[in-house]
Amino acid sequence: MQYVYWFLANKRFLLILFFINLVGTIYGYMWYAPQLVRTDWFFWPFVPDSPTASLFFTIVLLGFLWKKSWGLFQALAIVTLFKYGIWAVVMNVLVLKVTGYLPWEGYMLMASHLGMAIQGLLYAPFYRIKPWHLIIAAFWALHNEIIDYVYMQYPSYPQLHLYIKEIGYFTFWLSVFSIFLAWYLTSREKRLKWTF
């Protein structure tokens, strides 16, 4: 456990992780650009789900590099990284199951999004999240479901269009689980705590 702590707290590793997430965030927003062009501007903050999640974590890492702890961004990061990381993996597995084929980009997305989910959890002992931080993160995650599956702004997976109701239901409960997991790892009295 001490080795894990040393690795995660190492400034060089934090810097590498910061730039990986920064580049991934920029690429993610570029990937969403075609969808944003045909989307009303007031939906924009809620459409590029994964890059916004990695943006939250990039800000968290910047805080760590500056010896700061920004609890609100930590709460937003752990909830959304896990939620959208797992969501993207499941959606690509479903594409493979429904069509019998997944292009190499799909496997790349699965790997990168699984990494998103894991990194958010690994840094949980360093987070200093207050109840109101988690409430805002929970509101953000659940409000996103309304935007995605009531106003139909969800990420485009044409192969899965027939299953959109089931996907919306799954995503709602994934949000609930992500919120609970964030609370369990960051807000319990007996949770693991590390400092830089």
N, C-alpha and C. Protein backbone atom coordinates (compact mmCIF):
# COMPACT_ATOMS: atom_id res chain seq x y z
N MET A 1 0.83 -1.21 0.00
CA MET A 1 0.00 0.00 0.00
C MET A 1 0.86 1.27 0.00
N GLN A 2 1.98 1.21 0.72
CA GLN A 2 2.88 2.35 0.77
C GLN A 2 3.46 2.66 -0.61
N TYR A 3 3.73 1.60 -1.39
CA TYR A 3 4.26 1.80 -2.74
C TYR A 3 3.21 2.46 -3.63
N VAL A 4 1.96 2.03 -3.49
CA VAL A 4 0.87 2.63 -4.26
C VAL A 4 0.76 4.12 -3.94
N TYR A 5 0.83 4.44 -2.64
CA TYR A 5 0.78 5.84 -2.22
C TYR A 5 1.92 6.64 -2.84
N TRP A 6 3.14 6.11 -2.76
CA TRP A 6 4.30 6.82 -3.30
C TRP A 6 4.13 7.06 -4.80
N PHE A 7 3.62 6.06 -5.50
CA PHE A 7 3.46 6.16 -6.95
C PHE A 7 2.43 7.24 -7.30
N LEU A 8 1.27 7.21 -6.63
CA LEU A 8 0.21 8.15 -6.94
C LEU A 8 0.57 9.58 -6.54
N ALA A 9 1.36 9.72 -5.47
CA ALA A 9 1.70 11.05 -4.97
C ALA A 9 2.95 11.64 -5.62
N ASN A 10 3.64 10.85 -6.43
CA ASN A 10 4.86 11.31 -7.08
C ASN A 10 4.56 12.46 -8.04
N LYS A 11 5.28 13.56 -7.89
CA LYS A 11 4.98 14.76 -8.68
C LYS A 11 5.16 14.52 -10.18
N ARG A 12 6.17 13.76 -10.56
CA ARG A 12 6.38 13.48 -11.99
C ARG A 12 5.22 12.69 -12.56
N PHE A 13 4.75 11.70 -11.79
CA PHE A 13 3.61 10.91 -12.25
C PHE A 13 2.36 11.79 -12.36
N LEU A 14 2.16 12.67 -11.38
CA LEU A 14 1.02 13.59 -11.43
C LEU A 14 1.09 14.48 -12.66
N LEU A 15 2.29 14.94 -12.99
CA LEU A 15 2.47 15.81 -14.15
C LEU A 15 2.17 15.06 -15.44
N ILE A 16 2.65 13.83 -15.55
CA ILE A 16 2.36 13.01 -16.73
C ILE A 16 0.87 12.77 -16.86
N LEU A 17 0.24 12.41 -15.73
CA LEU A 17 -1.20 12.15 -15.74
C LEU A 17 -1.99 13.41 -16.09
N PHE A 18 -1.51 14.55 -15.61
CA PHE A 18 -2.16 15.82 -15.94
C PHE A 18 -2.16 16.06 -17.45
N PHE A 19 -1.00 15.88 -18.10
CA PHE A 19 -0.92 16.14 -19.53
C PHE A 19 -1.69 15.09 -20.34
N ILE A 20 -1.70 13.84 -19.88
CA ILE A 20 -2.49 12.81 -20.56
C ILE A 20 -3.97 13.19 -20.53
N ASN A 21 -4.44 13.61 -19.38
CA ASN A 21 -5.85 13.99 -19.25
C ASN A 21 -6.16 15.27 -20.01
N LEU A 22 -5.22 16.20 -20.02
CA LEU A 22 -5.43 17.45 -20.76
C LEU A 22 -5.57 17.17 -22.25
N VAL A 23 -4.67 16.35 -22.80
CA VAL A 23 -4.73 16.00 -24.22
C VAL A 23 -6.00 15.20 -24.51
N GLY A 24 -6.34 14.26 -23.63
CA GLY A 24 -7.55 13.47 -23.81
C GLY A 24 -8.80 14.32 -23.77
N THR A 25 -8.80 15.33 -22.91
CA THR A 25 -9.94 16.24 -22.82
C THR A 25 -10.11 17.04 -24.10
N ILE A 26 -9.02 17.58 -24.61
CA ILE A 26 -9.07 18.35 -25.85
C ILE A 26 -9.54 17.47 -27.01
N TYR A 27 -8.98 16.25 -27.10
CA TYR A 27 -9.40 15.32 -28.15
C TYR A 27 -10.88 14.99 -28.01
N GLY A 28 -11.33 14.80 -26.78
CA GLY A 28 -12.73 14.46 -26.55
C GLY A 28 -13.68 15.55 -27.01
N TYR A 29 -13.34 16.81 -26.73
CA TYR A 29 -14.19 17.91 -27.20
C TYR A 29 -14.17 18.00 -28.72
N MET A 30 -13.04 17.71 -29.33
CA MET A 30 -12.98 17.70 -30.79
C MET A 30 -13.86 16.58 -31.36
N TRP A 31 -13.87 15.43 -30.69
CA TRP A 31 -14.69 14.30 -31.12
C TRP A 31 -16.17 14.65 -31.08
N TYR A 32 -16.57 15.46 -30.10
CA TYR A 32 -17.97 15.86 -29.95
C TYR A 32 -18.35 17.04 -30.84
N ALA A 33 -17.39 17.66 -31.50
CA ALA A 33 -17.66 18.88 -32.27
C ALA A 33 -18.81 18.73 -33.26
N PRO A 34 -18.87 17.63 -34.06
CA PRO A 34 -19.99 17.51 -35.01
C PRO A 34 -21.35 17.48 -34.32
N GLN A 35 -21.43 16.83 -33.15
CA GLN A 35 -22.71 16.80 -32.42
C GLN A 35 -23.04 18.17 -31.84
N LEU A 36 -22.02 18.89 -31.36
CA LEU A 36 -22.26 20.21 -30.78
C LEU A 36 -22.75 21.20 -31.82
N VAL A 37 -22.28 21.06 -33.06
CA VAL A 37 -22.69 21.97 -34.14
C VAL A 37 -24.19 21.92 -34.35
N ARG A 38 -24.79 20.73 -34.22
CA ARG A 38 -26.23 20.60 -34.45
C ARG A 38 -27.04 20.60 -33.14
N THR A 39 -26.41 21.04 -32.06
CA THR A 39 -27.06 21.05 -30.75
C THR A 39 -27.28 22.49 -30.30
N ASP A 40 -28.44 22.77 -29.70
CA ASP A 40 -28.71 24.10 -29.15
C ASP A 40 -27.66 24.45 -28.09
N TRP A 41 -27.24 25.69 -28.09
CA TRP A 41 -26.11 26.12 -27.26
C TRP A 41 -26.35 25.85 -25.77
N PHE A 42 -27.62 25.93 -25.31
CA PHE A 42 -27.86 25.77 -23.88
C PHE A 42 -27.70 24.32 -23.42
N PHE A 43 -27.56 23.38 -24.36
CA PHE A 43 -27.28 21.99 -24.00
C PHE A 43 -25.78 21.69 -23.99
N TRP A 44 -24.98 22.59 -24.52
CA TRP A 44 -23.55 22.31 -24.71
C TRP A 44 -22.83 21.81 -23.45
N PRO A 45 -23.06 22.40 -22.27
CA PRO A 45 -22.31 21.91 -21.10
C PRO A 45 -22.58 20.44 -20.76
N PHE A 46 -23.71 19.91 -21.26
CA PHE A 46 -24.11 18.56 -20.86
C PHE A 46 -23.96 17.52 -21.97
N VAL A 47 -23.49 17.92 -23.12
CA VAL A 47 -23.38 16.98 -24.24
C VAL A 47 -22.05 16.22 -24.24
N PRO A 48 -20.90 16.89 -24.17
CA PRO A 48 -19.62 16.15 -24.20
C PRO A 48 -19.29 15.55 -22.83
N ASP A 49 -19.96 14.45 -22.51
CA ASP A 49 -19.90 13.88 -21.16
C ASP A 49 -18.49 13.49 -20.72
N SER A 50 -17.85 12.64 -21.50
CA SER A 50 -16.54 12.11 -21.10
C SER A 50 -15.45 13.18 -21.04
N PRO A 51 -15.34 14.05 -22.05
CA PRO A 51 -14.30 15.09 -21.94
C PRO A 51 -14.54 16.05 -20.78
N THR A 52 -15.80 16.30 -20.45
CA THR A 52 -16.07 17.16 -19.29
C THR A 52 -15.66 16.46 -18.01
N ALA A 53 -15.89 15.14 -17.93
CA ALA A 53 -15.43 14.37 -16.77
C ALA A 53 -13.91 14.43 -16.64
N SER A 54 -13.21 14.25 -17.75
CA SER A 54 -11.75 14.30 -17.69
C SER A 54 -11.25 15.72 -17.44
N LEU A 55 -12.03 16.73 -17.87
CA LEU A 55 -11.69 18.12 -17.54
C LEU A 55 -11.74 18.34 -16.03
N PHE A 56 -12.79 17.82 -15.39
CA PHE A 56 -12.88 17.93 -13.93
C PHE A 56 -11.64 17.32 -13.27
N PHE A 57 -11.23 16.14 -13.77
CA PHE A 57 -10.08 15.47 -13.16
C PHE A 57 -8.77 16.20 -13.47
N THR A 58 -8.68 16.79 -14.65
CA THR A 58 -7.50 17.59 -14.99
C THR A 58 -7.35 18.75 -14.02
N ILE A 59 -8.47 19.38 -13.67
CA ILE A 59 -8.45 20.47 -12.69
C ILE A 59 -8.04 19.95 -11.32
N VAL A 60 -8.55 18.76 -10.95
CA VAL A 60 -8.16 18.14 -9.68
C VAL A 60 -6.65 17.90 -9.63
N LEU A 61 -6.10 17.37 -10.72
CA LEU A 61 -4.66 17.11 -10.78
C LEU A 61 -3.85 18.40 -10.70
N LEU A 62 -4.34 19.44 -11.36
CA LEU A 62 -3.68 20.74 -11.27
C LEU A 62 -3.65 21.22 -9.81
N GLY A 63 -4.76 21.02 -9.12
CA GLY A 63 -4.80 21.36 -7.70
C GLY A 63 -3.77 20.58 -6.90
N PHE A 64 -3.67 19.28 -7.16
CA PHE A 64 -2.68 18.46 -6.45
C PHE A 64 -1.26 18.97 -6.71
N LEU A 65 -0.98 19.34 -7.96
CA LEU A 65 0.35 19.84 -8.30
C LEU A 65 0.65 21.15 -7.58
N TRP A 66 -0.39 21.92 -7.29
CA TRP A 66 -0.24 23.19 -6.57
C TRP A 66 -0.47 23.03 -5.07
N LYS A 67 -0.58 21.78 -4.61
CA LYS A 67 -0.83 21.49 -3.19
C LYS A 67 -2.16 22.06 -2.72
N LYS A 68 -3.15 22.03 -3.61
CA LYS A 68 -4.50 22.50 -3.29
C LYS A 68 -5.47 21.33 -3.36
N SER A 69 -6.55 21.44 -2.59
CA SER A 69 -7.58 20.42 -2.62
C SER A 69 -8.92 21.08 -2.93
N TRP A 70 -9.38 20.88 -4.15
CA TRP A 70 -10.63 21.50 -4.60
C TRP A 70 -11.74 20.46 -4.57
N GLY A 71 -12.43 20.41 -3.43
CA GLY A 71 -13.39 19.35 -3.17
C GLY A 71 -14.52 19.24 -4.17
N LEU A 72 -15.03 20.37 -4.66
CA LEU A 72 -16.13 20.31 -5.61
C LEU A 72 -15.71 19.62 -6.90
N PHE A 73 -14.55 19.98 -7.42
CA PHE A 73 -14.06 19.33 -8.64
C PHE A 73 -13.72 17.87 -8.39
N GLN A 74 -13.25 17.55 -7.18
CA GLN A 74 -12.98 16.15 -6.84
C GLN A 74 -14.27 15.33 -6.85
N ALA A 75 -15.34 15.90 -6.29
CA ALA A 75 -16.63 15.20 -6.29
C ALA A 75 -17.16 15.02 -7.71
N LEU A 76 -17.11 16.08 -8.49
CA LEU A 76 -17.56 15.99 -9.88
C LEU A 76 -16.73 14.98 -10.66
N ALA A 77 -15.43 14.97 -10.40
CA ALA A 77 -14.53 14.07 -11.12
C ALA A 77 -14.80 12.61 -10.79
N ILE A 78 -14.85 12.26 -9.51
CA ILE A 78 -14.99 10.84 -9.16
C ILE A 78 -16.33 10.28 -9.64
N VAL A 79 -17.40 11.07 -9.53
CA VAL A 79 -18.72 10.60 -9.98
C VAL A 79 -18.76 10.45 -11.49
N THR A 80 -18.33 11.49 -12.21
CA THR A 80 -18.48 11.45 -13.67
C THR A 80 -17.44 10.57 -14.35
N LEU A 81 -16.23 10.50 -13.82
CA LEU A 81 -15.23 9.61 -14.41
C LEU A 81 -15.68 8.16 -14.35
N PHE A 82 -16.18 7.76 -13.18
CA PHE A 82 -16.63 6.37 -13.05
C PHE A 82 -17.86 6.13 -13.92
N LYS A 83 -18.82 7.03 -13.84
CA LYS A 83 -20.07 6.86 -14.60
C LYS A 83 -19.81 6.75 -16.10
N TYR A 84 -19.14 7.73 -16.66
CA TYR A 84 -18.95 7.74 -18.12
C TYR A 84 -17.86 6.78 -18.57
N GLY A 85 -16.91 6.50 -17.69
CA GLY A 85 -15.92 5.49 -18.02
C GLY A 85 -16.57 4.13 -18.20
N ILE A 86 -17.38 3.72 -17.22
CA ILE A 86 -18.06 2.43 -17.31
C ILE A 86 -19.11 2.44 -18.41
N TRP A 87 -19.82 3.56 -18.56
CA TRP A 87 -20.86 3.66 -19.58
C TRP A 87 -20.29 3.40 -20.98
N ALA A 88 -19.17 4.03 -21.29
CA ALA A 88 -18.58 3.87 -22.62
C ALA A 88 -18.11 2.44 -22.86
N VAL A 89 -17.56 1.81 -21.84
CA VAL A 89 -17.14 0.41 -21.98
C VAL A 89 -18.35 -0.46 -22.28
N VAL A 90 -19.42 -0.28 -21.52
CA VAL A 90 -20.63 -1.10 -21.72
C VAL A 90 -21.24 -0.85 -23.09
N MET A 91 -21.29 0.41 -23.53
CA MET A 91 -21.88 0.70 -24.84
C MET A 91 -21.09 0.05 -25.97
N ASN A 92 -19.79 0.06 -25.88
CA ASN A 92 -18.98 -0.56 -26.93
C ASN A 92 -19.09 -2.08 -26.91
N VAL A 93 -19.22 -2.65 -25.73
CA VAL A 93 -19.48 -4.10 -25.65
C VAL A 93 -20.83 -4.42 -26.28
N LEU A 94 -21.83 -3.57 -26.05
CA LEU A 94 -23.15 -3.78 -26.66
C LEU A 94 -23.10 -3.66 -28.18
N VAL A 95 -22.34 -2.68 -28.67
CA VAL A 95 -22.17 -2.56 -30.13
C VAL A 95 -21.60 -3.85 -30.70
N LEU A 96 -20.58 -4.39 -30.04
CA LEU A 96 -19.98 -5.65 -30.49
C LEU A 96 -20.99 -6.78 -30.46
N LYS A 97 -21.81 -6.83 -29.41
CA LYS A 97 -22.80 -7.90 -29.28
C LYS A 97 -23.90 -7.78 -30.33
N VAL A 98 -24.36 -6.55 -30.59
CA VAL A 98 -25.47 -6.32 -31.52
C VAL A 98 -25.03 -6.49 -32.96
N THR A 99 -23.85 -5.98 -33.31
CA THR A 99 -23.42 -5.99 -34.71
C THR A 99 -22.44 -7.11 -35.03
N GLY A 100 -21.81 -7.66 -34.00
CA GLY A 100 -20.79 -8.69 -34.23
C GLY A 100 -19.45 -8.12 -34.63
N TYR A 101 -19.33 -6.80 -34.60
CA TYR A 101 -18.07 -6.17 -35.03
C TYR A 101 -17.85 -4.88 -34.24
N LEU A 102 -16.60 -4.63 -33.87
CA LEU A 102 -16.23 -3.37 -33.22
C LEU A 102 -14.92 -2.91 -33.84
N PRO A 103 -14.90 -1.70 -34.44
CA PRO A 103 -13.66 -1.21 -35.05
C PRO A 103 -12.60 -0.94 -33.98
N TRP A 104 -11.38 -0.78 -34.42
CA TRP A 104 -10.28 -0.60 -33.47
C TRP A 104 -10.48 0.63 -32.60
N GLU A 105 -11.17 1.65 -33.15
CA GLU A 105 -11.43 2.84 -32.34
C GLU A 105 -12.30 2.51 -31.13
N GLY A 106 -13.20 1.53 -31.31
CA GLY A 106 -14.04 1.10 -30.21
C GLY A 106 -13.24 0.50 -29.07
N TYR A 107 -12.26 -0.33 -29.44
CA TYR A 107 -11.40 -0.93 -28.41
C TYR A 107 -10.53 0.14 -27.73
N MET A 108 -10.09 1.13 -28.51
CA MET A 108 -9.32 2.23 -27.94
C MET A 108 -10.17 3.02 -26.95
N LEU A 109 -11.43 3.26 -27.33
CA LEU A 109 -12.34 3.98 -26.43
C LEU A 109 -12.59 3.19 -25.15
N MET A 110 -12.73 1.87 -25.29
CA MET A 110 -12.94 1.03 -24.10
C MET A 110 -11.76 1.13 -23.15
N ALA A 111 -10.55 1.04 -23.69
CA ALA A 111 -9.35 1.09 -22.85
C ALA A 111 -9.21 2.45 -22.17
N SER A 112 -9.40 3.52 -22.94
CA SER A 112 -9.21 4.87 -22.38
C SER A 112 -10.28 5.19 -21.35
N HIS A 113 -11.52 4.75 -21.60
CA HIS A 113 -12.59 5.04 -20.65
C HIS A 113 -12.51 4.17 -19.40
N LEU A 114 -12.01 2.96 -19.55
CA LEU A 114 -11.78 2.15 -18.35
C LEU A 114 -10.70 2.81 -17.49
N GLY A 115 -9.68 3.34 -18.16
CA GLY A 115 -8.64 4.09 -17.44
C GLY A 115 -9.21 5.30 -16.73
N MET A 116 -10.15 5.99 -17.37
CA MET A 116 -10.83 7.12 -16.73
C MET A 116 -11.47 6.70 -15.42
N ALA A 117 -12.25 5.63 -15.48
CA ALA A 117 -12.97 5.17 -14.30
C ALA A 117 -12.02 4.80 -13.17
N ILE A 118 -10.94 4.11 -13.52
CA ILE A 118 -10.00 3.62 -12.51
C ILE A 118 -9.23 4.77 -11.86
N GLN A 119 -8.76 5.73 -12.66
CA GLN A 119 -7.94 6.80 -12.10
C GLN A 119 -8.73 7.65 -11.11
N GLY A 120 -10.01 7.87 -11.40
CA GLY A 120 -10.82 8.64 -10.47
C GLY A 120 -10.94 7.97 -9.12
N LEU A 121 -11.02 6.64 -9.12
CA LEU A 121 -11.14 5.88 -7.86
C LEU A 121 -9.81 5.81 -7.13
N LEU A 122 -8.72 5.65 -7.88
CA LEU A 122 -7.40 5.50 -7.25
C LEU A 122 -7.03 6.70 -6.38
N TYR A 123 -7.45 7.88 -6.80
CA TYR A 123 -7.08 9.09 -6.05
C TYR A 123 -8.08 9.44 -4.96
N ALA A 124 -9.09 8.60 -4.75
CA ALA A 124 -10.10 8.88 -3.73
C ALA A 124 -9.52 9.15 -2.34
N PRO A 125 -8.46 8.44 -1.89
CA PRO A 125 -7.92 8.74 -0.55
C PRO A 125 -7.37 10.16 -0.40
N PHE A 126 -7.07 10.81 -1.52
CA PHE A 126 -6.54 12.18 -1.48
C PHE A 126 -7.64 13.24 -1.49
N TYR A 127 -8.88 12.83 -1.81
CA TYR A 127 -9.96 13.80 -1.94
C TYR A 127 -10.42 14.30 -0.58
N ARG A 128 -10.83 15.54 -0.54
CA ARG A 128 -11.42 16.15 0.65
C ARG A 128 -12.78 16.73 0.25
N ILE A 129 -13.75 15.85 0.21
CA ILE A 129 -15.07 16.19 -0.31
C ILE A 129 -16.04 16.42 0.84
N LYS A 130 -16.73 17.55 0.80
CA LYS A 130 -17.76 17.87 1.78
C LYS A 130 -19.13 17.42 1.25
N PRO A 131 -20.11 17.27 2.14
CA PRO A 131 -21.44 16.82 1.69
C PRO A 131 -22.03 17.66 0.57
N TRP A 132 -21.86 18.98 0.64
CA TRP A 132 -22.46 19.82 -0.41
C TRP A 132 -21.75 19.63 -1.75
N HIS A 133 -20.47 19.28 -1.72
CA HIS A 133 -19.77 18.96 -2.97
C HIS A 133 -20.42 17.76 -3.64
N LEU A 134 -20.69 16.73 -2.84
CA LEU A 134 -21.27 15.50 -3.39
C LEU A 134 -22.71 15.72 -3.85
N ILE A 135 -23.44 16.59 -3.16
CA ILE A 135 -24.81 16.91 -3.57
C ILE A 135 -24.81 17.56 -4.95
N ILE A 136 -23.90 18.49 -5.17
CA ILE A 136 -23.81 19.15 -6.48
C ILE A 136 -23.41 18.15 -7.56
N ALA A 137 -22.44 17.28 -7.25
CA ALA A 137 -22.02 16.26 -8.22
C ALA A 137 -23.17 15.32 -8.54
N ALA A 138 -23.96 14.96 -7.52
CA ALA A 138 -25.12 14.08 -7.74
C ALA A 138 -26.15 14.77 -8.62
N PHE A 139 -26.40 16.05 -8.35
CA PHE A 139 -27.34 16.81 -9.17
C PHE A 139 -26.86 16.86 -10.62
N TRP A 140 -25.57 17.12 -10.80
CA TRP A 140 -25.01 17.19 -12.16
C TRP A 140 -25.22 15.87 -12.90
N ALA A 141 -24.90 14.76 -12.24
CA ALA A 141 -24.99 13.45 -12.89
C ALA A 141 -26.43 13.10 -13.24
N LEU A 142 -27.36 13.33 -12.32
CA LEU A 142 -28.76 12.96 -12.56
C LEU A 142 -29.44 13.93 -13.52
N HIS A 143 -29.08 15.21 -13.43
CA HIS A 143 -29.61 16.19 -14.38
C HIS A 143 -29.18 15.84 -15.80
N ASN A 144 -27.98 15.31 -15.93
CA ASN A 144 -27.49 14.91 -17.25
C ASN A 144 -28.36 13.84 -17.88
N GLU A 145 -28.94 12.96 -17.06
CA GLU A 145 -29.85 11.93 -17.59
C GLU A 145 -31.07 12.56 -18.24
N ILE A 146 -31.59 13.63 -17.62
CA ILE A 146 -32.74 14.33 -18.19
C ILE A 146 -32.36 14.93 -19.54
N ILE A 147 -31.22 15.57 -19.59
CA ILE A 147 -30.77 16.18 -20.85
C ILE A 147 -30.57 15.10 -21.92
N ASP A 148 -29.95 13.99 -21.53
CA ASP A 148 -29.61 12.95 -22.50
C ASP A 148 -30.82 12.17 -22.99
N TYR A 149 -31.72 11.78 -22.07
CA TYR A 149 -32.75 10.80 -22.44
C TYR A 149 -34.17 11.36 -22.43
N VAL A 150 -34.36 12.62 -22.03
CA VAL A 150 -35.63 13.30 -22.22
C VAL A 150 -35.52 14.25 -23.42
N TYR A 151 -34.42 15.02 -23.44
CA TYR A 151 -34.18 15.94 -24.56
C TYR A 151 -33.33 15.31 -25.66
N MET A 152 -33.01 14.04 -25.51
CA MET A 152 -32.34 13.23 -26.54
C MET A 152 -31.01 13.82 -27.01
N GLN A 153 -30.17 14.17 -26.05
CA GLN A 153 -28.85 14.70 -26.36
C GLN A 153 -27.74 13.70 -26.05
N TYR A 154 -28.11 12.43 -25.91
CA TYR A 154 -27.14 11.39 -25.56
C TYR A 154 -26.10 11.20 -26.66
N PRO A 155 -24.92 10.67 -26.30
CA PRO A 155 -23.88 10.40 -27.31
C PRO A 155 -24.40 9.46 -28.39
N SER A 156 -24.04 9.72 -29.60
CA SER A 156 -24.60 8.99 -30.74
C SER A 156 -23.97 7.60 -30.90
N TYR A 157 -24.82 6.58 -30.76
CA TYR A 157 -24.46 5.19 -31.07
C TYR A 157 -25.57 4.65 -31.96
N PRO A 158 -25.52 4.92 -33.29
CA PRO A 158 -26.62 4.54 -34.18
C PRO A 158 -26.97 3.05 -34.10
N GLN A 159 -25.98 2.20 -33.83
CA GLN A 159 -26.21 0.76 -33.78
C GLN A 159 -27.11 0.36 -32.62
N LEU A 160 -27.23 1.25 -31.62
CA LEU A 160 -27.98 0.92 -30.40
C LEU A 160 -29.27 1.72 -30.28
N HIS A 161 -29.69 2.36 -31.37
CA HIS A 161 -30.86 3.25 -31.32
C HIS A 161 -32.11 2.54 -30.82
N LEU A 162 -32.28 1.29 -31.16
CA LEU A 162 -33.49 0.55 -30.77
C LEU A 162 -33.54 0.26 -29.27
N TYR A 163 -32.42 0.43 -28.60
CA TYR A 163 -32.35 0.08 -27.17
C TYR A 163 -32.22 1.31 -26.28
N ILE A 164 -32.61 2.48 -26.80
CA ILE A 164 -32.32 3.72 -26.08
C ILE A 164 -33.04 3.81 -24.74
N LYS A 165 -34.25 3.25 -24.64
CA LYS A 165 -34.97 3.27 -23.36
C LYS A 165 -34.23 2.44 -22.32
N GLU A 166 -33.78 1.27 -22.72
CA GLU A 166 -33.03 0.41 -21.80
C GLU A 166 -31.70 1.06 -21.40
N ILE A 167 -31.07 1.72 -22.37
CA ILE A 167 -29.80 2.40 -22.08
C ILE A 167 -30.02 3.54 -21.10
N GLY A 168 -31.11 4.30 -21.29
CA GLY A 168 -31.43 5.38 -20.37
C GLY A 168 -31.67 4.87 -18.96
N TYR A 169 -32.38 3.75 -18.84
CA TYR A 169 -32.65 3.15 -17.53
C TYR A 169 -31.35 2.69 -16.87
N PHE A 170 -30.52 2.01 -17.66
CA PHE A 170 -29.23 1.56 -17.15
C PHE A 170 -28.38 2.75 -16.69
N THR A 171 -28.38 3.82 -17.48
CA THR A 171 -27.54 4.97 -17.17
C THR A 171 -27.99 5.66 -15.88
N PHE A 172 -29.30 5.72 -15.67
CA PHE A 172 -29.80 6.30 -14.42
C PHE A 172 -29.25 5.55 -13.22
N TRP A 173 -29.34 4.22 -13.24
CA TRP A 173 -28.87 3.44 -12.09
C TRP A 173 -27.35 3.44 -12.00
N LEU A 174 -26.68 3.60 -13.12
CA LEU A 174 -25.23 3.76 -13.08
C LEU A 174 -24.86 5.06 -12.37
N SER A 175 -25.64 6.11 -12.62
CA SER A 175 -25.42 7.38 -11.91
C SER A 175 -25.61 7.20 -10.41
N VAL A 176 -26.69 6.53 -10.03
CA VAL A 176 -26.96 6.31 -8.61
C VAL A 176 -25.81 5.54 -7.96
N PHE A 177 -25.34 4.49 -8.63
CA PHE A 177 -24.24 3.70 -8.08
C PHE A 177 -22.96 4.53 -8.01
N SER A 178 -22.71 5.35 -9.02
CA SER A 178 -21.51 6.20 -9.03
C SER A 178 -21.52 7.18 -7.87
N ILE A 179 -22.68 7.74 -7.58
CA ILE A 179 -22.81 8.67 -6.45
C ILE A 179 -22.56 7.94 -5.14
N PHE A 180 -23.17 6.75 -5.00
CA PHE A 180 -22.97 5.97 -3.78
C PHE A 180 -21.49 5.59 -3.61
N LEU A 181 -20.86 5.16 -4.70
CA LEU A 181 -19.45 4.77 -4.63
C LEU A 181 -18.58 5.95 -4.23
N ALA A 182 -18.89 7.12 -4.79
CA ALA A 182 -18.14 8.33 -4.42
C ALA A 182 -18.29 8.62 -2.93
N TRP A 183 -19.51 8.51 -2.43
CA TRP A 183 -19.72 8.72 -0.99
C TRP A 183 -18.94 7.70 -0.17
N TYR A 184 -19.01 6.44 -0.57
CA TYR A 184 -18.36 5.36 0.18
C TYR A 184 -16.85 5.57 0.26
N LEU A 185 -16.25 6.01 -0.83
CA LEU A 185 -14.80 6.14 -0.89
C LEU A 185 -14.28 7.47 -0.34
N THR A 186 -15.14 8.48 -0.25
CA THR A 186 -14.63 9.81 0.11
C THR A 186 -15.25 10.43 1.35
N SER A 187 -16.39 9.94 1.79
CA SER A 187 -17.11 10.65 2.86
C SER A 187 -17.36 9.83 4.11
N ARG A 188 -17.11 8.54 4.08
CA ARG A 188 -17.30 7.73 5.30
C ARG A 188 -16.26 8.12 6.35
N GLU A 189 -16.63 7.98 7.60
CA GLU A 189 -15.72 8.33 8.69
C GLU A 189 -14.47 7.46 8.69
N LYS A 190 -14.62 6.17 8.34
CA LYS A 190 -13.49 5.23 8.42
C LYS A 190 -12.79 5.01 7.08
N ARG A 191 -12.99 5.92 6.16
CA ARG A 191 -12.38 5.75 4.84
C ARG A 191 -10.86 5.92 4.92
N LEU A 192 -10.18 5.43 3.88
CA LEU A 192 -8.73 5.59 3.77
C LEU A 192 -8.41 7.04 3.40
N LYS A 193 -7.47 7.66 4.13
CA LYS A 193 -7.08 9.04 3.85
C LYS A 193 -5.57 9.14 3.64
N TRP A 194 -5.20 9.79 2.54
CA TRP A 194 -3.79 10.07 2.27
C TRP A 194 -3.62 11.57 2.05
N THR A 195 -2.42 12.06 2.30
CA THR A 195 -2.10 13.46 2.02
C THR A 195 -0.82 13.54 1.21
N PHE A 196 -0.65 14.63 0.50
CA PHE A 196 0.57 14.84 -0.29
C PHE A 196 1.68 15.36 0.60
